[in-house]
Amino acid sequence: MTSKTFDDLQQEVADNGGVITVQAWQLREAQGAGRLTERINGEISESLRRRGLGHVPFRPEDLPTSQHARVRVYDATSALGKVIEAAHNPGTDEDNTLREAVDGEAAGLLSQIRALVAE
């Protein structure tokens, strides 16, 4: 990522199917901060949230303070974002979201196979 702003990052997420992995220093630079601290990570988390983006690790206090650590950034409003969140948050509704995502993918693949066989 060569992005310098969170708006650039948001566009990069969109351009890459709704999810990217960046190094923590890239988020620090987008925030305009000198060091990664728990307070700065909270600000980074809020800057992402305002743009509809989520991050893994999920909790701001769990974001890395090591600049070379990796952070996943995703579109929290997308179907993919909902699957990422469901995979990390145990619960009945989340289990159903995961099942539906896999069943939907399987149905799509089956449809594509049927179309190829029919040709």
Foldseek 3Di string as FASTA:
>chain_A
DPDQAVVVVLVVCVVVVFKDKDFQVSLCRNLVHDFDDLVSLVVSQVRLVVSQKAKPVGDSNPPDRDRGDMMMIGRCVDLVNLLVVLVVDDDDVSVVSVVCVVVVVVVVVVVVVVVVVVD
